[in-house]
Amino acid sequence: MMKIYSGPLCIFGHACRIVMQEKTIEHETVYAKPGEMVEHLAELNPYGETPILQDRDLVLYGATLINEYLDERLPHPPLMPIDPVGRGKARLVIADIHRDWLKNVQRSMDLGTKLDKKTTDLIRDGLTAMAIQLEGKKYVLGEEFTLVDCYVGPLLWRLPMFNLKLPKQAKRLEDYGNRIFARPSFAKSLSEPEKEIRGI
């Protein structure tokens, strides 16, 4: 049985948990709070960070590697475009999301601090632009739910933590977020602390 190690509020681990649920993979989720299981995590990942995937003798760390491995290991349902160009575009979007949004949000949560104005503006402006790009589409890349949405969903879920409100023109993004939140995989992926963010 696969085992996924994740912080209870780890935004990257949350993305991996969504993928595990989308693929209906039989697995065990081990929640490791900051400062806990340090030695054990260091044995699996020299950086001592989550998420970590253990699949028999294989150990992977880092959400991007884990999620692409899961998508290749269990190809149904596919969470990446079939064609190379589409996959390349998806990887670029994911890389931008990681660099501009997720890393900053995770750092803020780890330190227990508020997002600075520069980061807040970067996320708000980026999400507003994404709302425009969502016109006529169900998900970021089109009609199909993909790995891109597995990363955006956890970010949108955490916006209340930072009192980050989107402008009215981003209403389309709110509807998009609700579509993700309504997926059974998303509900099953939530840790108890994540449920508390939205009072579930």
Foldseek 3Di string as FASTA:
>chain_A
DKEWEEAQLQLLSLLLLLLCLLLVPDYHYHHAHPPPPQVVLCVQPVVSHDTWMDDPPDIDHDSVVSNVVSCVVRVVPHQFDPDPVRNVVLVVLVVCCVVLPNVQVNVCVVVVHARDPVSLVSVQVVLLVQLVCCVPALASSHPDHHSSCSNVLSRVLQCLVRVRDHDPSSVSVVVSSVVVCPDPSSVVSHRPVSCVSVPD
